[in-house]
Amino acid sequence: MKYLLLLLVLCTGAALPRAYAQQAPAAAPQPMYGAARIWLLVNYCQLSLADGVKPAGLYDYVQENGKTRRFADEAAVLNYLYSLGWEVLPHGVEENRHYYLLKRGTP
């Protein structure tokens, strides 16, 4: 009886690595905090987004199809950030730039 139990444990233990190998790799966690800068131009807005992983330079705007994405107004930018899962918190204004802190909801 002891040998049967030992054989069962050994067989089950050998199957575990195969079971783990078949599982999908865990997705990288998304950043919890970020920063956004909205440039208010004459007829549109542009967004510079730092997601807490890759910092954005002064003129690193959100790209779409290889071109800087233009938003109709500041509300369109805020809705875009919301669609990405960010909670938006005002952080200041400087001339034609509005700054926001970004926070993701807790998982």
C-alpha atoms as a PDB file:
ATOM      1  CA  MET A   1       0.000   0.000   0.000  1.00  0.00           C
ATOM      2  CA  LYS A   2       2.889   2.405   0.845  1.00  0.00           C
ATOM      3  CA  TYR A   3       4.458   1.789  -2.551  1.00  0.00           C
ATOM      4  CA  LEU A   4       1.176   2.499  -4.342  1.00  0.00           C
ATOM      5  CA  LEU A   5       0.806   5.785  -2.464  1.00  0.00           C
ATOM      6  CA  LEU A   6       4.421   6.702  -3.233  1.00  0.00           C
ATOM      7  CA  LEU A   7       3.905   5.904  -6.918  1.00  0.00           C
ATOM      8  CA  LEU A   8       0.769   8.094  -6.991  1.00  0.00           C
ATOM      9  CA  VAL A   9       2.614  11.031  -5.394  1.00  0.00           C
ATOM     10  CA  LEU A  10       5.542  10.701  -7.795  1.00  0.00           C
ATOM     11  CA  CYS A  11       3.278  10.552 -10.857  1.00  0.00           C
ATOM     12  CA  THR A  12       1.229  13.542  -9.719  1.00  0.00           C
ATOM     13  CA  GLY A  13       4.391  15.546  -8.959  1.00  0.00           C
ATOM     14  CA  ALA A  14       5.799  14.819 -12.403  1.00  0.00           C
ATOM     15  CA  ALA A  15       2.615  16.072 -14.052  1.00  0.00           C
ATOM     16  CA  LEU A  16       2.730  19.452 -12.277  1.00  0.00           C
ATOM     17  CA  PRO A  17       5.510  21.029 -14.385  1.00  0.00           C
ATOM     18  CA  ARG A  18       3.642  20.053 -17.556  1.00  0.00           C
ATOM     19  CA  ALA A  19       0.450  21.639 -16.183  1.00  0.00           C
ATOM     20  CA  TYR A  20       2.281  24.867 -15.370  1.00  0.00           C
ATOM     21  CA  ALA A  21       3.898  24.921 -18.812  1.00  0.00           C
ATOM     22  CA  GLN A  22       0.477  24.742 -20.471  1.00  0.00           C
ATOM     23  CA  GLN A  23      -0.836  27.801 -18.624  1.00  0.00           C
ATOM     24  CA  ALA A  24      -0.753  31.110 -20.454  1.00  0.00           C
ATOM     25  CA  PRO A  25       1.981  33.460 -19.245  1.00  0.00           C
ATOM     26  CA  ALA A  26       0.766  36.121 -16.862  1.00  0.00           C
ATOM     27  CA  ALA A  27       0.233  39.529 -18.456  1.00  0.00           C
ATOM     28  CA  ALA A  28       2.615  42.241 -17.335  1.00  0.00           C
ATOM     29  CA  PRO A  29       0.972  44.447 -14.730  1.00  0.00           C
ATOM     30  CA  GLN A  30      -0.185  47.795 -16.016  1.00  0.00           C
ATOM     31  CA  PRO A  31       1.271  50.891 -14.393  1.00  0.00           C
ATOM     32  CA  MET A  32      -0.767  52.349 -11.520  1.00  0.00           C
ATOM     33  CA  TYR A  33       0.241  55.986 -12.035  1.00  0.00           C
ATOM     34  CA  GLY A  34       1.060  58.251 -14.937  1.00  0.00           C
ATOM     35  CA  ALA A  35       1.012  61.854 -16.074  1.00  0.00           C
ATOM     36  CA  ALA A  36      -0.651  63.636 -18.966  1.00  0.00           C
ATOM     37  CA  ARG A  37      -0.025  66.998 -20.589  1.00  0.00           C
ATOM     38  CA  ILE A  38      -2.701  68.388 -22.883  1.00  0.00           C
ATOM     39  CA  TRP A  39      -1.640  71.081 -25.318  1.00  0.00           C
ATOM     40  CA  LEU A  40      -4.531  73.381 -26.249  1.00  0.00           C
ATOM     41  CA  LEU A  41      -3.928  74.611 -29.772  1.00  0.00           C
ATOM     42  CA  VAL A  42      -6.101  76.819 -31.995  1.00  0.00           C
ATOM     43  CA  ASN A  43      -8.502  74.183 -33.410  1.00  0.00           C
ATOM     44  CA  TYR A  44      -7.494  70.982 -31.629  1.00  0.00           C
ATOM     45  CA  CYS A  45      -5.586  69.448 -28.707  1.00  0.00           C
ATOM     46  CA  GLN A  46      -2.605  67.120 -28.485  1.00  0.00           C
ATOM     47  CA  LEU A  47      -1.753  64.723 -25.673  1.00  0.00           C
ATOM     48  CA  SER A  48       1.629  63.841 -24.230  1.00  0.00           C
ATOM     49  CA  LEU A  49       1.280  60.777 -22.013  1.00  0.00           C
ATOM     50  CA  ALA A  50       3.793  59.307 -19.531  1.00  0.00           C
ATOM     51  CA  ASP A  51       2.502  55.982 -18.268  1.00  0.00           C
ATOM     52  CA  GLY A  52       4.935  55.577 -15.389  1.00  0.00           C
ATOM     53  CA  VAL A  53       7.030  53.070 -17.355  1.00  0.00           C
ATOM     54  CA  LYS A  54       8.227  54.999 -20.403  1.00  0.00           C
ATOM     55  CA  PRO A  55       8.575  58.734 -19.710  1.00  0.00           C
ATOM     56  CA  ALA A  56       7.365  61.138 -22.376  1.00  0.00           C
ATOM     57  CA  GLY A  57       9.565  63.904 -23.685  1.00  0.00           C
ATOM     58  CA  LEU A  58       8.332  67.448 -24.157  1.00  0.00           C
ATOM     59  CA  TYR A  59       6.983  66.815 -27.667  1.00  0.00           C
ATOM     60  CA  ASP A  60       6.241  63.055 -27.487  1.00  0.00           C
ATOM     61  CA  TYR A  61       2.586  63.123 -28.438  1.00  0.00           C
ATOM     62  CA  VAL A  62       0.212  60.177 -28.628  1.00  0.00           C
ATOM     63  CA  GLN A  63       0.542  58.706 -32.121  1.00  0.00           C
ATOM     64  CA  GLU A  64      -2.130  57.233 -34.368  1.00  0.00           C
ATOM     65  CA  ASN A  65      -1.207  55.630 -37.705  1.00  0.00           C
ATOM     66  CA  GLY A  66       2.281  57.120 -37.436  1.00  0.00           C
ATOM     67  CA  LYS A  67       1.020  60.703 -36.977  1.00  0.00           C
ATOM     68  CA  THR A  68       0.358  62.818 -33.921  1.00  0.00           C
ATOM     69  CA  ARG A  69      -3.241  62.253 -32.867  1.00  0.00           C
ATOM     70  CA  ARG A  70      -5.421  65.366 -32.828  1.00  0.00           C
ATOM     71  CA  PHE A  71      -8.318  65.637 -30.401  1.00  0.00           C
ATOM     72  CA  ALA A  72     -11.289  67.948 -30.990  1.00  0.00           C
ATOM     73  CA  ASP A  73     -11.094  69.449 -27.498  1.00  0.00           C
ATOM     74  CA  GLU A  74      -9.942  68.798 -23.940  1.00  0.00           C
ATOM     75  CA  ALA A  75     -13.042  66.697 -23.180  1.00  0.00           C
ATOM     76  CA  ALA A  76     -12.122  64.342 -26.043  1.00  0.00           C
ATOM     77  CA  VAL A  77      -8.666  63.866 -24.507  1.00  0.00           C
ATOM     78  CA  LEU A  78     -10.129  63.170 -21.062  1.00  0.00           C
ATOM     79  CA  ASN A  79     -12.561  60.634 -22.543  1.00  0.00           C
ATOM     80  CA  TYR A  80      -9.647  58.958 -24.348  1.00  0.00           C
ATOM     81  CA  LEU A  81      -7.700  58.682 -21.067  1.00  0.00           C
ATOM     82  CA  TYR A  82     -10.793  57.248 -19.376  1.00  0.00           C
ATOM     83  CA  SER A  83     -11.107  54.631 -22.147  1.00  0.00           C
ATOM     84  CA  LEU A  84      -7.516  53.552 -21.348  1.00  0.00           C
ATOM     85  CA  GLY A  85      -8.558  52.935 -17.728  1.00  0.00           C
ATOM     86  CA  TRP A  86      -7.081  56.064 -16.149  1.00  0.00           C
ATOM     87  CA  GLU A  87      -8.668  58.134 -13.394  1.00  0.00           C
ATOM     88  CA  VAL A  88      -7.731  61.741 -14.176  1.00  0.00           C
ATOM     89  CA  LEU A  89      -6.774  64.254 -11.463  1.00  0.00           C
ATOM     90  CA  PRO A  90      -6.034  67.927 -12.332  1.00  0.00           C
ATOM     91  CA  HIS A  91      -2.445  68.938 -11.558  1.00  0.00           C
ATOM     92  CA  GLY A  92      -2.066  72.470 -12.920  1.00  0.00           C
ATOM     93  CA  VAL A  93      -2.126  74.817 -15.897  1.00  0.00           C
ATOM     94  CA  GLU A  94       0.739  76.617 -17.574  1.00  0.00           C
ATOM     95  CA  GLU A  95      -0.089  78.871 -20.537  1.00  0.00           C
ATOM     96  CA  ASN A  96      -1.737  76.573 -23.093  1.00  0.00           C
ATOM     97  CA  ARG A  97      -0.832  73.315 -21.298  1.00  0.00           C
ATOM     98  CA  HIS A  98      -3.006  71.476 -18.800  1.00  0.00           C
ATOM     99  CA  TYR A  99      -1.353  68.894 -16.551  1.00  0.00           C
ATOM    100  CA  TYR A 100      -3.035  65.852 -15.025  1.00  0.00           C
ATOM    101  CA  LEU A 101      -1.980  63.033 -12.732  1.00  0.00           C
ATOM    102  CA  LEU A 102      -3.298  59.634 -13.785  1.00  0.00           C
ATOM    103  CA  LYS A 103      -4.236  56.728 -11.552  1.00  0.00           C
ATOM    104  CA  ARG A 104      -5.621  53.322 -12.414  1.00  0.00           C
ATOM    105  CA  GLY A 105      -8.393  51.809 -10.357  1.00  0.00           C
ATOM    106  CA  THR A 106      -7.286  49.126  -7.939  1.00  0.00           C
ATOM    107  CA  PRO A 107      -7.392  45.637  -9.458  1.00  0.00           C
END
